[in-house]
Amino acid sequence: MNPIMQTAAACLQQERQQNEALALTRLRNALLRLDVRAELRDNDSVLMIPRPQVGLPVWVFVGYGGAFYSWQSAEKRHPINDVAGAAQVLADYAGR
């Protein structure tokens, strides 16, 4: 790959990462409005929702080409354009 193509690919990758971080930030804010604690982790690439009872936390990623929030090894997902709905589903899933 020539240097121009490498630079273009790096810019696209950075833009994708920024879009995913923004989507996860919006979801975190929606969860906080529902009194659900959530933390951005790993350079804002994943959202961690601790469970109130004993159990592993829920890890939420942006997947499927940026179209869905996904969790439970991508078996569960919710459209990224419905932040409030995703927050409610995740609050229920995490046991809040």
N, C-alpha and C. Protein backbone atom coordinates (compact mmCIF):
# COMPACT_ATOMS: atom_id res chain seq x y z
N MET A 1 0.86 -1.17 0.00
CA MET A 1 0.00 0.00 0.00
C MET A 1 0.91 1.24 0.00
N ASN A 2 0.61 2.18 -0.85
CA ASN A 2 1.46 3.37 -0.93
C ASN A 2 1.14 4.32 0.23
N PRO A 3 2.01 5.30 0.47
CA PRO A 3 1.83 6.19 1.62
C PRO A 3 0.51 6.97 1.61
N ILE A 4 0.04 7.35 0.46
CA ILE A 4 -1.22 8.09 0.38
C ILE A 4 -2.37 7.19 0.81
N MET A 5 -2.37 5.97 0.35
CA MET A 5 -3.42 5.01 0.73
C MET A 5 -3.34 4.71 2.23
N GLN A 6 -2.13 4.58 2.76
CA GLN A 6 -1.97 4.32 4.19
C GLN A 6 -2.53 5.47 5.02
N THR A 7 -2.26 6.69 4.60
CA THR A 7 -2.75 7.86 5.31
C THR A 7 -4.28 7.92 5.25
N ALA A 8 -4.84 7.66 4.09
CA ALA A 8 -6.29 7.67 3.94
C ALA A 8 -6.94 6.61 4.82
N ALA A 9 -6.36 5.41 4.84
CA ALA A 9 -6.90 4.33 5.66
C ALA A 9 -6.81 4.69 7.14
N ALA A 10 -5.71 5.30 7.55
CA ALA A 10 -5.55 5.70 8.95
C ALA A 10 -6.58 6.76 9.34
N CYS A 11 -6.85 7.69 8.44
CA CYS A 11 -7.86 8.74 8.71
C CYS A 11 -9.25 8.13 8.84
N LEU A 12 -9.58 7.20 7.98
CA LEU A 12 -10.89 6.53 8.05
C LEU A 12 -11.03 5.74 9.34
N GLN A 13 -9.96 5.06 9.74
CA GLN A 13 -9.98 4.29 10.98
C GLN A 13 -10.17 5.21 12.18
N GLN A 14 -9.48 6.34 12.18
CA GLN A 14 -9.62 7.29 13.28
C GLN A 14 -11.03 7.86 13.34
N GLU A 15 -11.61 8.17 12.20
CA GLU A 15 -12.97 8.70 12.15
C GLU A 15 -13.97 7.67 12.68
N ARG A 16 -13.79 6.40 12.31
CA ARG A 16 -14.67 5.33 12.78
C ARG A 16 -14.57 5.20 14.30
N GLN A 17 -13.35 5.25 14.83
CA GLN A 17 -13.16 5.15 16.28
C GLN A 17 -13.81 6.32 17.01
N GLN A 18 -13.71 7.52 16.45
CA GLN A 18 -14.34 8.69 17.05
C GLN A 18 -15.86 8.56 17.05
N ASN A 19 -16.42 8.07 15.96
CA ASN A 19 -17.87 7.88 15.87
C ASN A 19 -18.35 6.85 16.89
N GLU A 20 -17.60 5.77 17.05
CA GLU A 20 -17.97 4.75 18.02
C GLU A 20 -17.87 5.28 19.45
N ALA A 21 -16.82 6.05 19.73
CA ALA A 21 -16.66 6.64 21.07
C ALA A 21 -17.81 7.60 21.37
N LEU A 22 -18.22 8.38 20.39
CA LEU A 22 -19.34 9.31 20.57
C LEU A 22 -20.64 8.54 20.83
N ALA A 23 -20.86 7.46 20.10
CA ALA A 23 -22.06 6.65 20.29
C ALA A 23 -22.08 6.03 21.70
N LEU A 24 -20.93 5.54 22.15
CA LEU A 24 -20.86 4.96 23.49
C LEU A 24 -21.02 6.02 24.57
N THR A 25 -20.53 7.22 24.32
CA THR A 25 -20.71 8.32 25.27
C THR A 25 -22.19 8.68 25.39
N ARG A 26 -22.88 8.73 24.27
CA ARG A 26 -24.34 9.00 24.30
C ARG A 26 -25.08 7.92 25.09
N LEU A 27 -24.69 6.67 24.88
CA LEU A 27 -25.33 5.57 25.61
C LEU A 27 -25.03 5.67 27.10
N ARG A 28 -23.79 5.97 27.45
CA ARG A 28 -23.44 6.12 28.86
C ARG A 28 -24.29 7.22 29.51
N ASN A 29 -24.43 8.34 28.83
CA ASN A 29 -25.22 9.44 29.37
C ASN A 29 -26.69 9.04 29.55
N ALA A 30 -27.24 8.29 28.61
CA ALA A 30 -28.62 7.81 28.72
C ALA A 30 -28.75 6.84 29.89
N LEU A 31 -27.76 5.99 30.09
CA LEU A 31 -27.79 5.06 31.23
C LEU A 31 -27.70 5.81 32.55
N LEU A 32 -26.87 6.84 32.60
CA LEU A 32 -26.75 7.63 33.83
C LEU A 32 -28.07 8.30 34.18
N ARG A 33 -28.83 8.73 33.17
CA ARG A 33 -30.16 9.32 33.42
C ARG A 33 -31.12 8.29 34.02
N LEU A 34 -30.86 7.02 33.78
CA LEU A 34 -31.67 5.94 34.36
C LEU A 34 -31.08 5.44 35.68
N ASP A 35 -30.09 6.16 36.20
CA ASP A 35 -29.38 5.78 37.44
C ASP A 35 -28.65 4.46 37.31
N VAL A 36 -28.14 4.18 36.12
CA VAL A 36 -27.33 2.99 35.89
C VAL A 36 -25.89 3.45 35.70
N ARG A 37 -25.01 2.94 36.54
CA ARG A 37 -23.61 3.30 36.44
C ARG A 37 -23.00 2.63 35.21
N ALA A 38 -22.25 3.40 34.44
CA ALA A 38 -21.58 2.87 33.25
C ALA A 38 -20.28 3.64 33.06
N GLU A 39 -19.23 2.94 32.63
CA GLU A 39 -17.92 3.56 32.47
C GLU A 39 -17.37 3.27 31.08
N LEU A 40 -16.84 4.30 30.45
CA LEU A 40 -16.11 4.09 29.19
C LEU A 40 -14.74 3.51 29.54
N ARG A 41 -14.32 2.52 28.78
CA ARG A 41 -13.04 1.85 29.05
C ARG A 41 -12.26 1.70 27.75
N ASP A 42 -11.01 1.32 27.87
CA ASP A 42 -10.14 1.01 26.73
C ASP A 42 -10.20 2.07 25.64
N ASN A 43 -9.77 3.29 25.98
CA ASN A 43 -9.74 4.40 25.03
C ASN A 43 -11.11 4.67 24.42
N ASP A 44 -12.14 4.58 25.23
CA ASP A 44 -13.53 4.86 24.82
C ASP A 44 -14.03 3.91 23.73
N SER A 45 -13.50 2.68 23.70
CA SER A 45 -13.93 1.73 22.68
C SER A 45 -14.95 0.72 23.21
N VAL A 46 -15.22 0.77 24.51
CA VAL A 46 -16.16 -0.17 25.12
C VAL A 46 -16.78 0.49 26.34
N LEU A 47 -18.02 0.12 26.63
CA LEU A 47 -18.73 0.62 27.80
C LEU A 47 -18.92 -0.55 28.76
N MET A 48 -18.56 -0.34 30.02
CA MET A 48 -18.72 -1.38 31.03
C MET A 48 -19.85 -0.98 31.97
N ILE A 49 -20.80 -1.90 32.15
CA ILE A 49 -21.92 -1.69 33.06
C ILE A 49 -21.81 -2.73 34.17
N PRO A 50 -21.39 -2.32 35.37
CA PRO A 50 -21.32 -3.29 36.47
C PRO A 50 -22.73 -3.73 36.88
N ARG A 51 -22.85 -4.97 37.25
CA ARG A 51 -24.14 -5.48 37.71
C ARG A 51 -24.31 -5.16 39.19
N PRO A 52 -25.54 -4.86 39.62
CA PRO A 52 -25.75 -4.51 41.03
C PRO A 52 -25.58 -5.72 41.96
N GLN A 53 -25.86 -6.88 41.46
CA GLN A 53 -25.69 -8.10 42.24
C GLN A 53 -24.38 -8.77 41.80
N VAL A 54 -24.12 -9.91 42.33
CA VAL A 54 -22.93 -10.66 41.96
C VAL A 54 -23.02 -11.07 40.49
N GLY A 55 -21.95 -10.94 39.78
CA GLY A 55 -21.93 -11.35 38.38
C GLY A 55 -20.96 -10.49 37.60
N LEU A 56 -20.67 -10.96 36.42
CA LEU A 56 -19.75 -10.23 35.55
C LEU A 56 -20.42 -8.98 35.00
N PRO A 57 -19.65 -7.95 34.74
CA PRO A 57 -20.24 -6.75 34.15
C PRO A 57 -20.67 -7.00 32.71
N VAL A 58 -21.51 -6.12 32.21
CA VAL A 58 -21.93 -6.17 30.81
C VAL A 58 -20.99 -5.26 30.04
N TRP A 59 -20.39 -5.79 28.97
CA TRP A 59 -19.49 -5.03 28.12
C TRP A 59 -20.22 -4.72 26.81
N VAL A 60 -20.32 -3.46 26.47
CA VAL A 60 -21.07 -3.02 25.29
C VAL A 60 -20.11 -2.41 24.28
N PHE A 61 -20.22 -2.86 23.05
CA PHE A 61 -19.39 -2.38 21.94
C PHE A 61 -20.30 -1.82 20.85
N VAL A 62 -19.72 -1.06 19.96
CA VAL A 62 -20.42 -0.68 18.73
C VAL A 62 -19.97 -1.68 17.68
N GLY A 63 -20.93 -2.34 17.05
CA GLY A 63 -20.59 -3.37 16.08
C GLY A 63 -21.45 -3.31 14.85
N TYR A 64 -21.31 -4.32 14.03
CA TYR A 64 -22.08 -4.45 12.80
C TYR A 64 -21.95 -3.21 11.92
N GLY A 65 -20.70 -2.80 11.71
CA GLY A 65 -20.43 -1.65 10.85
C GLY A 65 -20.89 -0.33 11.43
N GLY A 66 -21.00 -0.26 12.76
CA GLY A 66 -21.43 0.98 13.40
C GLY A 66 -22.93 1.14 13.50
N ALA A 67 -23.68 0.09 13.19
CA ALA A 67 -25.14 0.19 13.18
C ALA A 67 -25.80 -0.23 14.49
N PHE A 68 -25.10 -1.00 15.32
CA PHE A 68 -25.72 -1.54 16.53
C PHE A 68 -24.79 -1.44 17.72
N TYR A 69 -25.41 -1.27 18.91
CA TYR A 69 -24.72 -1.55 20.16
C TYR A 69 -24.83 -3.07 20.32
N SER A 70 -23.76 -3.70 20.74
CA SER A 70 -23.84 -5.15 20.93
C SER A 70 -23.19 -5.54 22.24
N TRP A 71 -23.69 -6.64 22.83
CA TRP A 71 -23.17 -7.17 24.08
C TRP A 71 -23.44 -8.66 24.12
N GLN A 72 -22.95 -9.31 25.14
CA GLN A 72 -23.03 -10.76 25.31
C GLN A 72 -22.48 -11.47 24.08
N SER A 73 -21.21 -11.19 23.80
CA SER A 73 -20.50 -11.78 22.65
C SER A 73 -21.26 -11.53 21.34
N ALA A 74 -21.84 -10.35 21.24
CA ALA A 74 -22.59 -9.91 20.05
C ALA A 74 -23.86 -10.72 19.80
N GLU A 75 -24.30 -11.50 20.80
CA GLU A 75 -25.56 -12.23 20.66
C GLU A 75 -26.75 -11.30 20.87
N LYS A 76 -26.54 -10.24 21.65
CA LYS A 76 -27.58 -9.24 21.90
C LYS A 76 -27.16 -7.96 21.19
N ARG A 77 -28.14 -7.24 20.64
CA ARG A 77 -27.82 -5.98 20.00
C ARG A 77 -29.06 -5.09 19.93
N HIS A 78 -28.79 -3.79 19.75
CA HIS A 78 -29.86 -2.80 19.66
C HIS A 78 -29.40 -1.71 18.69
N PRO A 79 -30.29 -1.18 17.86
CA PRO A 79 -29.88 -0.16 16.89
C PRO A 79 -29.26 1.07 17.56
N ILE A 80 -28.20 1.54 16.97
CA ILE A 80 -27.47 2.67 17.54
C ILE A 80 -28.25 3.97 17.46
N ASN A 81 -29.23 4.04 16.57
CA ASN A 81 -30.01 5.28 16.43
C ASN A 81 -31.14 5.38 17.45
N ASP A 82 -31.28 4.40 18.33
CA ASP A 82 -32.27 4.42 19.41
C ASP A 82 -31.54 4.34 20.75
N VAL A 83 -30.91 5.44 21.13
CA VAL A 83 -30.07 5.46 22.33
C VAL A 83 -30.91 5.22 23.59
N ALA A 84 -32.06 5.89 23.70
CA ALA A 84 -32.91 5.73 24.89
C ALA A 84 -33.41 4.29 25.01
N GLY A 85 -33.80 3.70 23.89
CA GLY A 85 -34.26 2.31 23.91
C GLY A 85 -33.14 1.36 24.27
N ALA A 86 -31.96 1.59 23.75
CA ALA A 86 -30.81 0.74 24.08
C ALA A 86 -30.48 0.85 25.57
N ALA A 87 -30.55 2.06 26.11
CA ALA A 87 -30.26 2.25 27.53
C ALA A 87 -31.26 1.48 28.38
N GLN A 88 -32.53 1.52 28.02
CA GLN A 88 -33.54 0.81 28.80
C GLN A 88 -33.35 -0.70 28.71
N VAL A 89 -33.07 -1.20 27.52
CA VAL A 89 -32.83 -2.64 27.34
C VAL A 89 -31.61 -3.08 28.16
N LEU A 90 -30.56 -2.29 28.12
CA LEU A 90 -29.34 -2.64 28.87
C LEU A 90 -29.55 -2.53 30.37
N ALA A 91 -30.33 -1.55 30.80
CA ALA A 91 -30.62 -1.43 32.24
C ALA A 91 -31.37 -2.68 32.72
N ASP A 92 -32.34 -3.12 31.95
CA ASP A 92 -33.08 -4.33 32.29
C ASP A 92 -32.17 -5.55 32.26
N TYR A 93 -31.33 -5.64 31.23
CA TYR A 93 -30.44 -6.78 31.07
C TYR A 93 -29.44 -6.88 32.23
N ALA A 94 -28.95 -5.72 32.66
CA ALA A 94 -27.96 -5.70 33.75
C ALA A 94 -28.58 -5.92 35.11
N GLY A 95 -29.92 -5.95 35.17
CA GLY A 95 -30.60 -6.22 36.43
C GLY A 95 -30.87 -4.99 37.27
N ARG A 96 -31.09 -3.87 36.62
CA ARG A 96 -31.38 -2.62 37.36
C ARG A 96 -32.85 -2.45 37.56
